[in-house]
Amino acid sequence: MFMEARLLDERREGIAEGEANANIATAKRMLAKGCYSLEVIAELTNLSLADVEKLKKEV
């Protein structure tokens, strides 16, 4: 039972990490387009405003 719970936790963590990476990629594309405010990007991607500001420096 412990092993199953551990595997389930690892799977959930992997999914969450994948979603976070997808949100970051989406934010980068939105920043590259320049059509959205930082606040809107943060809202639509579920990233913090601080994270979006950091990404803007990378783009």
PDB file of N, CA and C in Angstrom:
ATOM      1  N   MET A   1       0.820  -1.198   0.000  1.00  0.00           N
ATOM      2  CA  MET A   1       0.000   0.000   0.000  1.00  0.00           C
ATOM      3  C   MET A   1       0.862   1.259   0.000  1.00  0.00           C
ATOM      4  N   PHE A   2       1.927   1.261   0.782  1.00  0.00           N
ATOM      5  CA  PHE A   2       2.817   2.412   0.848  1.00  0.00           C
ATOM      6  C   PHE A   2       3.434   2.700  -0.511  1.00  0.00           C
ATOM      7  N   MET A   3       3.821   1.648  -1.220  1.00  0.00           N
ATOM      8  CA  MET A   3       4.441   1.810  -2.533  1.00  0.00           C
ATOM      9  C   MET A   3       3.468   2.445  -3.526  1.00  0.00           C
ATOM     10  N   GLU A   4       2.219   2.028  -3.485  1.00  0.00           N
ATOM     11  CA  GLU A   4       1.205   2.588  -4.382  1.00  0.00           C
ATOM     12  C   GLU A   4       0.996   4.075  -4.100  1.00  0.00           C
ATOM     13  N   ALA A   5       0.938   4.434  -2.837  1.00  0.00           N
ATOM     14  CA  ALA A   5       0.750   5.841  -2.469  1.00  0.00           C
ATOM     15  C   ALA A   5       1.939   6.667  -2.924  1.00  0.00           C
ATOM     16  N   ARG A   6       3.120   6.117  -2.772  1.00  0.00           N
ATOM     17  CA  ARG A   6       4.329   6.827  -3.200  1.00  0.00           C
ATOM     18  C   ARG A   6       4.333   7.034  -4.714  1.00  0.00           C
ATOM     19  N   LEU A   7       3.972   6.004  -5.456  1.00  0.00           N
ATOM     20  CA  LEU A   7       3.922   6.127  -6.915  1.00  0.00           C
ATOM     21  C   LEU A   7       2.880   7.145  -7.349  1.00  0.00           C
ATOM     22  N   LEU A   8       1.740   7.146  -6.659  1.00  0.00           N
ATOM     23  CA  LEU A   8       0.692   8.116  -6.975  1.00  0.00           C
ATOM     24  C   LEU A   8       1.175   9.535  -6.709  1.00  0.00           C
ATOM     25  N   ASP A   9       1.877   9.740  -5.592  1.00  0.00           N
ATOM     26  CA  ASP A   9       2.429  11.063  -5.283  1.00  0.00           C
ATOM     27  C   ASP A   9       3.427  11.504  -6.342  1.00  0.00           C
ATOM     28  N   GLU A  10       4.292  10.591  -6.769  1.00  0.00           N
ATOM     29  CA  GLU A  10       5.276  10.922  -7.802  1.00  0.00           C
ATOM     30  C   GLU A  10       4.594  11.275  -9.111  1.00  0.00           C
ATOM     31  N   ARG A  11       3.546  10.562  -9.426  1.00  0.00           N
ATOM     32  CA  ARG A  11       2.807  10.857 -10.666  1.00  0.00           C
ATOM     33  C   ARG A  11       2.169  12.247 -10.589  1.00  0.00           C
ATOM     34  N   ARG A  12       1.578  12.554  -9.446  1.00  0.00           N
ATOM     35  CA  ARG A  12       0.960  13.879  -9.260  1.00  0.00           C
ATOM     36  C   ARG A  12       1.999  14.983  -9.371  1.00  0.00           C
ATOM     37  N   GLU A  13       3.156  14.759  -8.780  1.00  0.00           N
ATOM     38  CA  GLU A  13       4.227  15.752  -8.860  1.00  0.00           C
ATOM     39  C   GLU A  13       4.680  15.950 -10.303  1.00  0.00           C
ATOM     40  N   GLY A  14       4.773  14.865 -11.047  1.00  0.00           N
ATOM     41  CA  GLY A  14       5.167  14.950 -12.449  1.00  0.00           C
ATOM     42  C   GLY A  14       4.157  15.715 -13.275  1.00  0.00           C
ATOM     43  N   ILE A  15       2.893  15.472 -13.004  1.00  0.00           N
ATOM     44  CA  ILE A  15       1.832  16.185 -13.728  1.00  0.00           C
ATOM     45  C   ILE A  15       1.872  17.666 -13.391  1.00  0.00           C
ATOM     46  N   ALA A  16       2.036  17.978 -12.111  1.00  0.00           N
ATOM     47  CA  ALA A  16       2.104  19.387 -11.695  1.00  0.00           C
ATOM     48  C   ALA A  16       3.301  20.080 -12.333  1.00  0.00           C
ATOM     49  N   GLU A  17       4.424  19.384 -12.394  1.00  0.00           N
ATOM     50  CA  GLU A  17       5.618  19.966 -13.013  1.00  0.00           C
ATOM     51  C   GLU A  17       5.389  20.197 -14.507  1.00  0.00           C
ATOM     52  N   GLY A  18       4.744  19.257 -15.157  1.00  0.00           N
ATOM     53  CA  GLY A  18       4.442  19.411 -16.577  1.00  0.00           C
ATOM     54  C   GLY A  18       3.513  20.583 -16.837  1.00  0.00           C
ATOM     55  N   GLU A  19       2.516  20.741 -15.980  1.00  0.00           N
ATOM     56  CA  GLU A  19       1.594  21.866 -16.121  1.00  0.00           C
ATOM     57  C   GLU A  19       2.324  23.191 -15.905  1.00  0.00           C
ATOM     58  N   ALA A  20       3.202  23.231 -14.933  1.00  0.00           N
ATOM     59  CA  ALA A  20       3.961  24.454 -14.669  1.00  0.00           C
ATOM     60  C   ALA A  20       4.837  24.807 -15.871  1.00  0.00           C
ATOM     61  N   ASN A  21       5.482  23.800 -16.446  1.00  0.00           N
ATOM     62  CA  ASN A  21       6.322  24.051 -17.625  1.00  0.00           C
ATOM     63  C   ASN A  21       5.482  24.530 -18.798  1.00  0.00           C
ATOM     64  N   ALA A  22       4.293  23.980 -18.961  1.00  0.00           N
ATOM     65  CA  ALA A  22       3.409  24.419 -20.044  1.00  0.00           C
ATOM     66  C   ALA A  22       2.966  25.862 -19.817  1.00  0.00           C
ATOM     67  N   ASN A  23       2.673  26.215 -18.578  1.00  0.00           N
ATOM     68  CA  ASN A  23       2.272  27.592 -18.273  1.00  0.00           C
ATOM     69  C   ASN A  23       3.409  28.568 -18.542  1.00  0.00           C
ATOM     70  N   ILE A  24       4.615  28.171 -18.218  1.00  0.00           N
ATOM     71  CA  ILE A  24       5.779  29.025 -18.480  1.00  0.00           C
ATOM     72  C   ILE A  24       5.965  29.211 -19.982  1.00  0.00           C
ATOM     73  N   ALA A  25       5.846  28.136 -20.740  1.00  0.00           N
ATOM     74  CA  ALA A  25       5.989  28.222 -22.193  1.00  0.00           C
ATOM     75  C   ALA A  25       4.911  29.120 -22.790  1.00  0.00           C
ATOM     76  N   THR A  26       3.699  29.002 -22.297  1.00  0.00           N
ATOM     77  CA  THR A  26       2.606  29.845 -22.780  1.00  0.00           C
ATOM     78  C   THR A  26       2.882  31.314 -22.457  1.00  0.00           C
ATOM     79  N   ALA A  27       3.341  31.578 -21.249  1.00  0.00           N
ATOM     80  CA  ALA A  27       3.652  32.958 -20.856  1.00  0.00           C
ATOM     81  C   ALA A  27       4.746  33.538 -21.743  1.00  0.00           C
ATOM     82  N   LYS A  28       5.754  32.742 -22.055  1.00  0.00           N
ATOM     83  CA  LYS A  28       6.834  33.222 -22.928  1.00  0.00           C
ATOM     84  C   LYS A  28       6.311  33.569 -24.311  1.00  0.00           C
ATOM     85  N   ARG A  29       5.415  32.750 -24.833  1.00  0.00           N
ATOM     86  CA  ARG A  29       4.837  33.056 -26.157  1.00  0.00           C
ATOM     87  C   ARG A  29       4.000  34.330 -26.105  1.00  0.00           C
ATOM     88  N   MET A  30       3.246  34.501 -25.023  1.00  0.00           N
ATOM     89  CA  MET A  30       2.427  35.701 -24.872  1.00  0.00           C
ATOM     90  C   MET A  30       3.308  36.936 -24.749  1.00  0.00           C
ATOM     91  N   LEU A  31       4.398  36.821 -24.012  1.00  0.00           N
ATOM     92  CA  LEU A  31       5.327  37.949 -23.875  1.00  0.00           C
ATOM     93  C   LEU A  31       5.968  38.290 -25.212  1.00  0.00           C
ATOM     94  N   ALA A  32       6.313  37.279 -25.985  1.00  0.00           N
ATOM     95  CA  ALA A  32       6.941  37.507 -27.289  1.00  0.00           C
ATOM     96  C   ALA A  32       5.993  38.236 -28.233  1.00  0.00           C
ATOM     97  N   LYS A  33       4.707  37.944 -28.122  1.00  0.00           N
ATOM     98  CA  LYS A  33       3.716  38.631 -28.957  1.00  0.00           C
ATOM     99  C   LYS A  33       3.552  40.088 -28.552  1.00  0.00           C
ATOM    100  N   GLY A  34       3.706  40.360 -27.265  1.00  0.00           N
ATOM    101  CA  GLY A  34       3.585  41.727 -26.777  1.00  0.00           C
ATOM    102  C   GLY A  34       2.173  42.265 -26.767  1.00  0.00           C
ATOM    103  N   CYS A  35       1.193  41.415 -26.844  1.00  0.00           N
ATOM    104  CA  CYS A  35      -0.200  41.853 -26.930  1.00  0.00           C
ATOM    105  C   CYS A  35      -0.922  41.840 -25.585  1.00  0.00           C
ATOM    106  N   TYR A  36      -0.237  41.393 -24.559  1.00  0.00           N
ATOM    107  CA  TYR A  36      -0.892  41.227 -23.265  1.00  0.00           C
ATOM    108  C   TYR A  36      -0.098  41.932 -22.179  1.00  0.00           C
ATOM    109  N   SER A  37      -0.816  42.436 -21.186  1.00  0.00           N
ATOM    110  CA  SER A  37      -0.130  43.031 -20.037  1.00  0.00           C
ATOM    111  C   SER A  37       0.415  41.907 -19.164  1.00  0.00           C
ATOM    112  N   LEU A  38       1.375  42.248 -18.331  1.00  0.00           N
ATOM    113  CA  LEU A  38       1.953  41.257 -17.433  1.00  0.00           C
ATOM    114  C   LEU A  38       0.890  40.697 -16.488  1.00  0.00           C
ATOM    115  N   GLU A  39      -0.025  41.540 -16.067  1.00  0.00           N
ATOM    116  CA  GLU A  39      -1.085  41.104 -15.162  1.00  0.00           C
ATOM    117  C   GLU A  39      -1.994  40.077 -15.828  1.00  0.00           C
ATOM    118  N   VAL A  40      -2.346  40.318 -17.074  1.00  0.00           N
ATOM    119  CA  VAL A  40      -3.210  39.385 -17.807  1.00  0.00           C
ATOM    120  C   VAL A  40      -2.495  38.060 -18.026  1.00  0.00           C
ATOM    121  N   ILE A  41      -1.224  38.110 -18.374  1.00  0.00           N
ATOM    122  CA  ILE A  41      -0.449  36.885 -18.568  1.00  0.00           C
ATOM    123  C   ILE A  41      -0.407  36.091 -17.271  1.00  0.00           C
ATOM    124  N   ALA A  42      -0.169  36.765 -16.164  1.00  0.00           N
ATOM    125  CA  ALA A  42      -0.130  36.082 -14.869  1.00  0.00           C
ATOM    126  C   ALA A  42      -1.470  35.427 -14.567  1.00  0.00           C
ATOM    127  N   GLU A  43      -2.536  36.143 -14.832  1.00  0.00           N
ATOM    128  CA  GLU A  43      -3.873  35.613 -14.560  1.00  0.00           C
ATOM    129  C   GLU A  43      -4.182  34.397 -15.438  1.00  0.00           C
ATOM    130  N   LEU A  44      -3.875  34.478 -16.707  1.00  0.00           N
ATOM    131  CA  LEU A  44      -4.239  33.407 -17.630  1.00  0.00           C
ATOM    132  C   LEU A  44      -3.354  32.168 -17.509  1.00  0.00           C
ATOM    133  N   THR A  45      -2.146  32.345 -17.010  1.00  0.00           N
ATOM    134  CA  THR A  45      -1.222  31.210 -16.907  1.00  0.00           C
ATOM    135  C   THR A  45      -1.084  30.682 -15.479  1.00  0.00           C
ATOM    136  N   ASN A  46      -1.766  31.312 -14.543  1.00  0.00           N
ATOM    137  CA  ASN A  46      -1.665  30.930 -13.124  1.00  0.00           C
ATOM    138  C   ASN A  46      -0.246  31.046 -12.587  1.00  0.00           C
ATOM    139  N   LEU A  47       0.530  31.955 -13.148  1.00  0.00           N
ATOM    140  CA  LEU A  47       1.858  32.258 -12.635  1.00  0.00           C
ATOM    141  C   LEU A  47       1.765  33.529 -11.806  1.00  0.00           C
ATOM    142  N   SER A  48       2.709  33.722 -10.911  1.00  0.00           N
ATOM    143  CA  SER A  48       2.715  34.966 -10.144  1.00  0.00           C
ATOM    144  C   SER A  48       3.206  36.105 -11.036  1.00  0.00           C
ATOM    145  N   LEU A  49       2.845  37.297 -10.668  1.00  0.00           N
ATOM    146  CA  LEU A  49       3.294  38.461 -11.422  1.00  0.00           C
ATOM    147  C   LEU A  49       4.819  38.543 -11.400  1.00  0.00           C
ATOM    148  N   ALA A  50       5.408  38.199 -10.270  1.00  0.00           N
ATOM    149  CA  ALA A  50       6.873  38.211 -10.161  1.00  0.00           C
ATOM    150  C   ALA A  50       7.505  37.219 -11.132  1.00  0.00           C
ATOM    151  N   ASP A  51       6.893  36.049 -11.275  1.00  0.00           N
ATOM    152  CA  ASP A  51       7.412  35.052 -12.215  1.00  0.00           C
ATOM    153  C   ASP A  51       7.315  35.547 -13.655  1.00  0.00           C
ATOM    154  N   VAL A  52       6.214  36.199 -13.979  1.00  0.00           N
ATOM    155  CA  VAL A  52       6.034  36.730 -15.343  1.00  0.00           C
ATOM    156  C   VAL A  52       7.058  37.831 -15.603  1.00  0.00           C
ATOM    157  N   GLU A  53       7.313  38.663 -14.613  1.00  0.00           N
ATOM    158  CA  GLU A  53       8.303  39.732 -14.769  1.00  0.00           C
ATOM    159  C   GLU A  53       9.693  39.132 -15.018  1.00  0.00           C
ATOM    160  N   LYS A  54      10.024  38.047 -14.323  1.00  0.00           N
ATOM    161  CA  LYS A  54      11.310  37.376 -14.544  1.00  0.00           C
ATOM    162  C   LYS A  54      11.392  36.802 -15.954  1.00  0.00           C
ATOM    163  N   LEU A  55      10.293  36.215 -16.410  1.00  0.00           N
ATOM    164  CA  LEU A  55      10.268  35.642 -17.753  1.00  0.00           C
ATOM    165  C   LEU A  55      10.422  36.723 -18.817  1.00  0.00           C
ATOM    166  N   LYS A  56       9.868  37.899 -18.553  1.00  0.00           N
ATOM    167  CA  LYS A  56       9.965  38.993 -19.519  1.00  0.00           C
ATOM    168  C   LYS A  56      11.415  39.364 -19.762  1.00  0.00           C
ATOM    169  N   LYS A  57      12.223  39.275 -18.736  1.00  0.00           N
ATOM    170  CA  LYS A  57      13.643  39.593 -18.883  1.00  0.00           C
ATOM    171  C   LYS A  57      14.362  38.566 -19.749  1.00  0.00           C
ATOM    172  N   GLU A  58      13.833  37.346 -19.803  1.00  0.00           N
ATOM    173  CA  GLU A  58      14.447  36.274 -20.588  1.00  0.00           C
ATOM    174  C   GLU A  58      14.067  36.341 -22.064  1.00  0.00           C
ATOM    175  N   VAL A  59      12.913  36.912 -22.354  1.00  0.00           N
ATOM    176  CA  VAL A  59      12.395  36.913 -23.724  1.00  0.00           C
ATOM    177  C   VAL A  59      13.029  38.014 -24.535  1.00  0.00           C
TER     178      VAL A  59
END
